Amino acid sequence: MRKLDEILSSEQSGYSKKERLNLEREREKLDKALGGIKDMGGTPDLMFIIDTNKEKIAIDEAKRLGIPVVAIIDSNCDPDLIDYPIPGNDDASRAIALYCDLIARAAIDGIARQQSGSGRDLGASAEAPFEPALDEATEA
């Protein structure tokens, strides 16, 4: 993708209009398929999967790379393929939203703890934490 970006960004690349159009289409196709992982710095520490039947290739690749897999497994899934299986419904949209929200919150909390442990100023990188106003009854 980076090579395509370099080719398309340079005006004097020597490609015809049709070749540039084909390269632009190829870049858009790759960006659609790989857009979320193109800026990753390295291999992930963990992979979270909702539907193990659909993501069989991703599970196999994680096994090859030694990446632990956490997955929501239903009664129609094989738990032997997963390092950390979580029994649950992987079909209902409300359940999927709940699982994704919980994992996202846990990841954000983990990043915040790691940053606070390393001595970084959390106030400089995020909004100030919400502090509730004192109740008048507690002031008296």
N, C-alpha and C. Protein backbone atom coordinates (compact mmCIF):
# COMPACT_ATOMS: atom_id res chain seq x y z
N MET A 1 0.82 -1.19 0.00
CA MET A 1 0.00 0.00 0.00
C MET A 1 0.87 1.26 0.00
N ARG A 2 1.95 1.22 0.78
CA ARG A 2 2.82 2.40 0.82
C ARG A 2 3.45 2.66 -0.55
N LYS A 3 3.81 1.56 -1.23
CA LYS A 3 4.41 1.71 -2.55
C LYS A 3 3.40 2.33 -3.53
N LEU A 4 2.15 1.87 -3.46
CA LEU A 4 1.11 2.46 -4.31
C LEU A 4 0.90 3.93 -3.98
N ASP A 5 0.92 4.27 -2.69
CA ASP A 5 0.76 5.67 -2.30
C ASP A 5 1.90 6.53 -2.86
N GLU A 6 3.13 6.00 -2.80
CA GLU A 6 4.27 6.74 -3.33
C GLU A 6 4.14 6.94 -4.84
N ILE A 7 3.73 5.89 -5.53
CA ILE A 7 3.58 5.98 -6.99
C ILE A 7 2.51 6.99 -7.36
N LEU A 8 1.37 6.93 -6.65
CA LEU A 8 0.26 7.82 -6.99
C LEU A 8 0.50 9.25 -6.54
N SER A 9 1.33 9.47 -5.53
CA SER A 9 1.58 10.83 -5.07
C SER A 9 2.55 11.58 -5.97
N SER A 10 3.44 10.86 -6.64
CA SER A 10 4.38 11.53 -7.53
C SER A 10 3.73 11.77 -8.89
N GLU A 11 3.79 13.00 -9.33
CA GLU A 11 3.16 13.37 -10.60
C GLU A 11 3.95 12.83 -11.80
N GLN A 12 5.25 12.78 -11.71
CA GLN A 12 6.11 12.36 -12.83
C GLN A 12 6.46 10.88 -12.70
N SER A 13 5.47 10.03 -12.52
CA SER A 13 5.74 8.61 -12.33
C SER A 13 5.89 7.86 -13.65
N GLY A 14 5.49 8.44 -14.75
CA GLY A 14 5.63 7.79 -16.04
C GLY A 14 4.50 6.84 -16.38
N TYR A 15 3.44 6.85 -15.58
CA TYR A 15 2.29 5.97 -15.84
C TYR A 15 1.25 6.74 -16.65
N SER A 16 0.57 6.00 -17.51
CA SER A 16 -0.51 6.62 -18.29
C SER A 16 -1.72 6.85 -17.39
N LYS A 17 -2.70 7.57 -17.93
CA LYS A 17 -3.90 7.87 -17.16
C LYS A 17 -4.64 6.58 -16.78
N LYS A 18 -4.70 5.64 -17.69
CA LYS A 18 -5.38 4.37 -17.44
C LYS A 18 -4.64 3.55 -16.39
N GLU A 19 -3.31 3.52 -16.46
CA GLU A 19 -2.53 2.78 -15.47
C GLU A 19 -2.68 3.40 -14.08
N ARG A 20 -2.69 4.74 -14.02
CA ARG A 20 -2.88 5.42 -12.73
C ARG A 20 -4.27 5.12 -12.17
N LEU A 21 -5.28 5.06 -13.04
CA LEU A 21 -6.64 4.74 -12.60
C LEU A 21 -6.70 3.32 -12.03
N ASN A 22 -6.04 2.37 -12.70
CA ASN A 22 -6.00 0.99 -12.20
C ASN A 22 -5.27 0.91 -10.87
N LEU A 23 -4.17 1.65 -10.73
CA LEU A 23 -3.44 1.68 -9.46
C LEU A 23 -4.28 2.31 -8.36
N GLU A 24 -5.02 3.35 -8.69
CA GLU A 24 -5.91 4.00 -7.72
C GLU A 24 -6.99 3.03 -7.25
N ARG A 25 -7.56 2.27 -8.17
CA ARG A 25 -8.58 1.27 -7.81
C ARG A 25 -7.98 0.18 -6.93
N GLU A 26 -6.77 -0.26 -7.25
CA GLU A 26 -6.12 -1.29 -6.45
C GLU A 26 -5.84 -0.77 -5.04
N ARG A 27 -5.41 0.50 -4.94
CA ARG A 27 -5.15 1.08 -3.62
C ARG A 27 -6.43 1.17 -2.80
N GLU A 28 -7.54 1.58 -3.42
CA GLU A 28 -8.82 1.66 -2.72
C GLU A 28 -9.28 0.28 -2.25
N LYS A 29 -9.08 -0.72 -3.07
CA LYS A 29 -9.45 -2.09 -2.71
C LYS A 29 -8.62 -2.58 -1.52
N LEU A 30 -7.31 -2.33 -1.56
CA LEU A 30 -6.45 -2.72 -0.45
C LEU A 30 -6.78 -1.94 0.81
N ASP A 31 -7.08 -0.66 0.66
CA ASP A 31 -7.41 0.17 1.82
C ASP A 31 -8.70 -0.31 2.47
N LYS A 32 -9.65 -0.75 1.66
CA LYS A 32 -10.91 -1.27 2.20
C LYS A 32 -10.68 -2.57 2.96
N ALA A 33 -9.82 -3.43 2.42
CA ALA A 33 -9.58 -4.73 3.04
C ALA A 33 -8.62 -4.65 4.22
N LEU A 34 -7.60 -3.80 4.12
CA LEU A 34 -6.54 -3.78 5.13
C LEU A 34 -6.40 -2.44 5.84
N GLY A 35 -7.38 -1.58 5.71
CA GLY A 35 -7.27 -0.23 6.25
C GLY A 35 -7.02 -0.17 7.74
N GLY A 36 -7.61 -1.07 8.50
CA GLY A 36 -7.46 -1.04 9.95
C GLY A 36 -6.12 -1.50 10.45
N ILE A 37 -5.40 -2.27 9.66
CA ILE A 37 -4.13 -2.81 10.15
C ILE A 37 -2.91 -2.21 9.48
N LYS A 38 -3.10 -1.26 8.57
CA LYS A 38 -1.96 -0.75 7.82
C LYS A 38 -1.02 0.08 8.69
N ASP A 39 -1.50 0.66 9.77
CA ASP A 39 -0.65 1.50 10.62
C ASP A 39 -0.22 0.81 11.91
N MET A 40 -0.43 -0.49 12.01
CA MET A 40 -0.02 -1.20 13.21
C MET A 40 1.50 -1.26 13.28
N GLY A 41 2.03 -1.10 14.49
CA GLY A 41 3.47 -1.10 14.66
C GLY A 41 4.08 -2.49 14.67
N GLY A 42 3.33 -3.50 14.98
CA GLY A 42 3.84 -4.86 15.03
C GLY A 42 2.71 -5.84 15.20
N THR A 43 3.05 -7.04 15.64
CA THR A 43 2.00 -8.04 15.84
C THR A 43 1.24 -7.72 17.12
N PRO A 44 -0.04 -8.00 17.14
CA PRO A 44 -0.83 -7.72 18.35
C PRO A 44 -0.49 -8.70 19.47
N ASP A 45 -0.77 -8.29 20.69
CA ASP A 45 -0.54 -9.14 21.85
C ASP A 45 -1.67 -10.14 22.06
N LEU A 46 -2.83 -9.86 21.49
CA LEU A 46 -4.01 -10.68 21.71
C LEU A 46 -4.97 -10.47 20.54
N MET A 47 -5.74 -11.51 20.23
CA MET A 47 -6.76 -11.38 19.20
C MET A 47 -8.11 -11.75 19.81
N PHE A 48 -9.09 -10.87 19.64
CA PHE A 48 -10.44 -11.08 20.15
C PHE A 48 -11.36 -11.35 18.96
N ILE A 49 -12.06 -12.48 19.00
CA ILE A 49 -12.90 -12.89 17.88
C ILE A 49 -14.31 -13.16 18.38
N ILE A 50 -15.29 -12.70 17.61
CA ILE A 50 -16.69 -12.94 17.95
C ILE A 50 -17.18 -14.25 17.35
N ASP A 51 -17.07 -14.42 16.06
CA ASP A 51 -17.60 -15.61 15.38
C ASP A 51 -16.44 -16.47 14.88
N THR A 52 -16.15 -17.55 15.60
CA THR A 52 -15.00 -18.39 15.25
C THR A 52 -15.23 -19.19 13.97
N ASN A 53 -16.46 -19.46 13.63
CA ASN A 53 -16.73 -20.19 12.39
C ASN A 53 -16.41 -19.32 11.17
N LYS A 54 -16.68 -18.04 11.25
CA LYS A 54 -16.41 -17.13 10.15
C LYS A 54 -14.94 -16.76 10.06
N GLU A 55 -14.27 -16.68 11.19
CA GLU A 55 -12.89 -16.19 11.25
C GLU A 55 -11.87 -17.31 11.42
N LYS A 56 -12.12 -18.44 10.79
CA LYS A 56 -11.23 -19.61 10.88
C LYS A 56 -9.82 -19.28 10.39
N ILE A 57 -9.71 -18.54 9.29
CA ILE A 57 -8.40 -18.20 8.73
C ILE A 57 -7.62 -17.32 9.71
N ALA A 58 -8.31 -16.36 10.34
CA ALA A 58 -7.64 -15.48 11.30
C ALA A 58 -7.15 -16.26 12.51
N ILE A 59 -7.92 -17.25 12.95
CA ILE A 59 -7.50 -18.07 14.09
C ILE A 59 -6.27 -18.89 13.72
N ASP A 60 -6.27 -19.48 12.53
CA ASP A 60 -5.11 -20.26 12.09
C ASP A 60 -3.87 -19.39 11.98
N GLU A 61 -4.02 -18.18 11.47
CA GLU A 61 -2.88 -17.27 11.35
C GLU A 61 -2.37 -16.85 12.72
N ALA A 62 -3.27 -16.61 13.66
CA ALA A 62 -2.86 -16.25 15.02
C ALA A 62 -2.10 -17.41 15.67
N LYS A 63 -2.54 -18.62 15.44
CA LYS A 63 -1.84 -19.79 15.97
C LYS A 63 -0.43 -19.88 15.40
N ARG A 64 -0.29 -19.64 14.10
CA ARG A 64 1.03 -19.68 13.46
C ARG A 64 1.97 -18.62 14.03
N LEU A 65 1.42 -17.45 14.33
CA LEU A 65 2.24 -16.35 14.83
C LEU A 65 2.41 -16.36 16.34
N GLY A 66 1.72 -17.27 17.02
CA GLY A 66 1.84 -17.37 18.47
C GLY A 66 1.05 -16.30 19.21
N ILE A 67 0.00 -15.79 18.59
CA ILE A 67 -0.84 -14.78 19.22
C ILE A 67 -1.98 -15.49 19.94
N PRO A 68 -2.16 -15.24 21.24
CA PRO A 68 -3.27 -15.87 21.95
C PRO A 68 -4.62 -15.36 21.44
N VAL A 69 -5.59 -16.26 21.41
CA VAL A 69 -6.91 -15.94 20.86
C VAL A 69 -7.95 -16.03 21.97
N VAL A 70 -8.70 -14.95 22.14
CA VAL A 70 -9.86 -14.90 23.03
C VAL A 70 -11.07 -14.85 22.12
N ALA A 71 -12.05 -15.72 22.36
CA ALA A 71 -13.20 -15.76 21.45
C ALA A 71 -14.48 -16.09 22.20
N ILE A 72 -15.55 -15.52 21.70
CA ILE A 72 -16.89 -15.87 22.15
C ILE A 72 -17.28 -17.12 21.38
N ILE A 73 -17.60 -18.19 22.11
CA ILE A 73 -17.95 -19.43 21.43
C ILE A 73 -19.38 -19.81 21.77
N ASP A 74 -20.06 -20.29 20.76
CA ASP A 74 -21.44 -20.73 20.86
C ASP A 74 -21.43 -22.26 20.87
N SER A 75 -22.58 -22.86 20.90
CA SER A 75 -22.66 -24.32 20.91
C SER A 75 -22.22 -24.94 19.58
N ASN A 76 -22.14 -24.13 18.53
CA ASN A 76 -21.72 -24.67 17.23
C ASN A 76 -20.25 -24.40 16.93
N CYS A 77 -19.45 -24.04 17.93
CA CYS A 77 -18.03 -23.72 17.74
C CYS A 77 -17.16 -24.76 18.44
N ASP A 78 -15.93 -24.89 17.96
CA ASP A 78 -14.96 -25.81 18.55
C ASP A 78 -14.09 -25.06 19.55
N PRO A 79 -14.23 -25.31 20.85
CA PRO A 79 -13.44 -24.58 21.85
C PRO A 79 -11.97 -25.01 21.90
N ASP A 80 -11.62 -26.13 21.27
CA ASP A 80 -10.23 -26.59 21.31
C ASP A 80 -9.30 -25.69 20.50
N LEU A 81 -9.83 -24.95 19.55
CA LEU A 81 -9.01 -24.07 18.72
C LEU A 81 -8.68 -22.75 19.40
N ILE A 82 -9.38 -22.43 20.48
CA ILE A 82 -9.28 -21.13 21.13
C ILE A 82 -8.48 -21.25 22.42
N ASP A 83 -7.58 -20.30 22.65
CA ASP A 83 -6.78 -20.30 23.88
C ASP A 83 -7.63 -19.94 25.10
N TYR A 84 -8.45 -18.91 24.96
CA TYR A 84 -9.29 -18.44 26.06
C TYR A 84 -10.74 -18.34 25.59
N PRO A 85 -11.49 -19.46 25.63
CA PRO A 85 -12.88 -19.41 25.16
C PRO A 85 -13.80 -18.76 26.19
N ILE A 86 -14.75 -17.98 25.71
CA ILE A 86 -15.77 -17.37 26.55
C ILE A 86 -17.11 -17.86 26.03
N PRO A 87 -17.83 -18.66 26.82
CA PRO A 87 -19.13 -19.15 26.33
C PRO A 87 -20.14 -18.01 26.27
N GLY A 88 -20.84 -17.93 25.15
CA GLY A 88 -21.83 -16.88 24.99
C GLY A 88 -22.46 -16.95 23.61
N ASN A 89 -23.43 -16.09 23.40
CA ASN A 89 -24.15 -16.04 22.13
C ASN A 89 -23.37 -15.16 21.16
N ASP A 90 -22.92 -15.74 20.06
CA ASP A 90 -22.16 -14.96 19.08
C ASP A 90 -23.00 -14.59 17.86
N ASP A 91 -24.31 -14.71 17.98
CA ASP A 91 -25.19 -14.41 16.85
C ASP A 91 -26.03 -13.15 17.07
N ALA A 92 -26.46 -12.89 18.30
CA ALA A 92 -27.34 -11.75 18.57
C ALA A 92 -26.57 -10.44 18.52
N SER A 93 -27.14 -9.45 17.87
CA SER A 93 -26.45 -8.16 17.72
C SER A 93 -26.28 -7.45 19.05
N ARG A 94 -27.23 -7.57 19.96
CA ARG A 94 -27.09 -6.93 21.27
C ARG A 94 -25.96 -7.57 22.06
N ALA A 95 -25.83 -8.89 21.97
CA ALA A 95 -24.75 -9.58 22.67
C ALA A 95 -23.40 -9.18 22.09
N ILE A 96 -23.32 -9.09 20.78
CA ILE A 96 -22.06 -8.70 20.13
C ILE A 96 -21.68 -7.29 20.55
N ALA A 97 -22.65 -6.38 20.59
CA ALA A 97 -22.38 -5.00 21.01
C ALA A 97 -21.89 -4.97 22.46
N LEU A 98 -22.48 -5.79 23.31
CA LEU A 98 -22.05 -5.86 24.70
C LEU A 98 -20.62 -6.36 24.82
N TYR A 99 -20.29 -7.45 24.13
CA TYR A 99 -18.94 -8.01 24.19
C TYR A 99 -17.91 -7.00 23.68
N CYS A 100 -18.21 -6.37 22.58
CA CYS A 100 -17.26 -5.40 22.00
C CYS A 100 -17.08 -4.21 22.92
N ASP A 101 -18.16 -3.75 23.55
CA ASP A 101 -18.06 -2.62 24.48
C ASP A 101 -17.21 -3.00 25.69
N LEU A 102 -17.41 -4.19 26.21
CA LEU A 102 -16.62 -4.62 27.37
C LEU A 102 -15.14 -4.75 27.04
N ILE A 103 -14.83 -5.32 25.90
CA ILE A 103 -13.43 -5.47 25.49
C ILE A 103 -12.80 -4.11 25.23
N ALA A 104 -13.53 -3.20 24.60
CA ALA A 104 -13.00 -1.86 24.33
C ALA A 104 -12.72 -1.12 25.63
N ARG A 105 -13.64 -1.20 26.59
CA ARG A 105 -13.40 -0.55 27.89
C ARG A 105 -12.20 -1.14 28.60
N ALA A 106 -12.07 -2.46 28.55
CA ALA A 106 -10.93 -3.11 29.20
C ALA A 106 -9.62 -2.68 28.55
N ALA A 107 -9.61 -2.57 27.23
CA ALA A 107 -8.40 -2.14 26.53
C ALA A 107 -8.04 -0.70 26.89
N ILE A 108 -9.03 0.17 26.94
CA ILE A 108 -8.78 1.57 27.29
C ILE A 108 -8.30 1.68 28.73
N ASP A 109 -8.90 0.92 29.65
CA ASP A 109 -8.44 0.93 31.04
C ASP A 109 -7.01 0.42 31.15
N GLY A 110 -6.68 -0.62 30.40
CA GLY A 110 -5.32 -1.16 30.42
C GLY A 110 -4.31 -0.16 29.90
N ILE A 111 -4.65 0.55 28.84
CA ILE A 111 -3.75 1.57 28.29
C ILE A 111 -3.57 2.70 29.30
N ALA A 112 -4.66 3.11 29.96
CA ALA A 112 -4.56 4.18 30.96
C ALA A 112 -3.69 3.75 32.13
N ARG A 113 -3.84 2.52 32.59
CA ARG A 113 -3.00 2.04 33.69
C ARG A 113 -1.54 1.97 33.29
N GLN A 114 -1.28 1.53 32.07
CA GLN A 114 0.09 1.44 31.59
C GLN A 114 0.72 2.83 31.49
N GLN A 115 -0.04 3.79 31.01
CA GLN A 115 0.48 5.15 30.89
C GLN A 115 0.69 5.78 32.26
N SER A 116 -0.22 5.52 33.21
CA SER A 116 -0.05 6.10 34.54
C SER A 116 1.12 5.45 35.27
N GLY A 117 1.37 4.18 34.99
CA GLY A 117 2.51 3.50 35.61
C GLY A 117 3.84 3.95 35.04
N SER A 118 3.83 4.46 33.81
CA SER A 118 5.08 4.90 33.19
C SER A 118 5.38 6.36 33.48
N GLY A 119 4.52 7.03 34.23
CA GLY A 119 4.77 8.40 34.62
C GLY A 119 4.30 9.43 33.62
N ARG A 120 3.50 9.05 32.65
CA ARG A 120 2.98 10.01 31.68
C ARG A 120 1.86 10.82 32.31
N ASP A 121 1.71 12.04 31.87
CA ASP A 121 0.66 12.91 32.36
C ASP A 121 -0.62 12.60 31.59
N LEU A 122 -1.57 11.96 32.26
CA LEU A 122 -2.81 11.58 31.59
C LEU A 122 -3.67 12.80 31.29
N GLY A 123 -3.53 13.87 32.06
CA GLY A 123 -4.31 15.07 31.82
C GLY A 123 -3.93 15.76 30.53
N ALA A 124 -2.70 15.59 30.11
CA ALA A 124 -2.26 16.24 28.88
C ALA A 124 -2.78 15.51 27.65
N SER A 125 -3.08 14.22 27.78
CA SER A 125 -3.48 13.45 26.61
C SER A 125 -4.98 13.20 26.51
N ALA A 126 -5.73 13.52 27.56
CA ALA A 126 -7.16 13.24 27.53
C ALA A 126 -7.90 14.34 28.27
N GLU A 127 -9.21 14.22 28.27
CA GLU A 127 -10.03 15.18 29.00
C GLU A 127 -9.85 14.98 30.50
N ALA A 128 -10.12 16.04 31.25
CA ALA A 128 -10.02 15.95 32.70
C ALA A 128 -11.10 15.00 33.22
N PRO A 129 -10.80 14.23 34.27
CA PRO A 129 -11.80 13.30 34.79
C PRO A 129 -12.98 14.05 35.39
N PHE A 130 -14.14 13.46 35.30
CA PHE A 130 -15.36 14.05 35.82
C PHE A 130 -15.39 13.89 37.33
N GLU A 131 -15.62 15.00 38.04
CA GLU A 131 -15.75 14.95 39.49
C GLU A 131 -17.13 15.49 39.84
N PRO A 132 -17.94 14.68 40.51
CA PRO A 132 -19.29 15.14 40.85
C PRO A 132 -19.23 16.27 41.88
N ALA A 133 -20.18 17.19 41.78
CA ALA A 133 -20.25 18.31 42.72
C ALA A 133 -20.66 17.79 44.09
N LEU A 134 -20.19 18.48 45.11
CA LEU A 134 -20.55 18.09 46.47
C LEU A 134 -22.02 18.38 46.72
N ASP A 135 -22.66 17.50 47.42
CA ASP A 135 -24.06 17.66 47.76
C ASP A 135 -24.16 18.65 48.91
N GLU A 136 -25.17 19.50 48.95
CA GLU A 136 -25.31 20.49 50.01
C GLU A 136 -25.50 19.83 51.36
N ALA A 137 -26.07 18.64 51.40
CA ALA A 137 -26.29 17.95 52.66
C ALA A 137 -24.97 17.49 53.26
N THR A 138 -23.98 17.16 52.45
CA THR A 138 -22.70 16.70 52.98
C THR A 138 -21.83 17.85 53.42
N GLU A 139 -22.10 19.09 52.95
CA GLU A 139 -21.31 20.24 53.34
C GLU A 139 -21.66 20.69 54.75
N ALA A 140 -22.88 20.49 55.22
CA ALA A 140 -23.32 20.98 56.52
C ALA A 140 -22.89 20.13 57.65
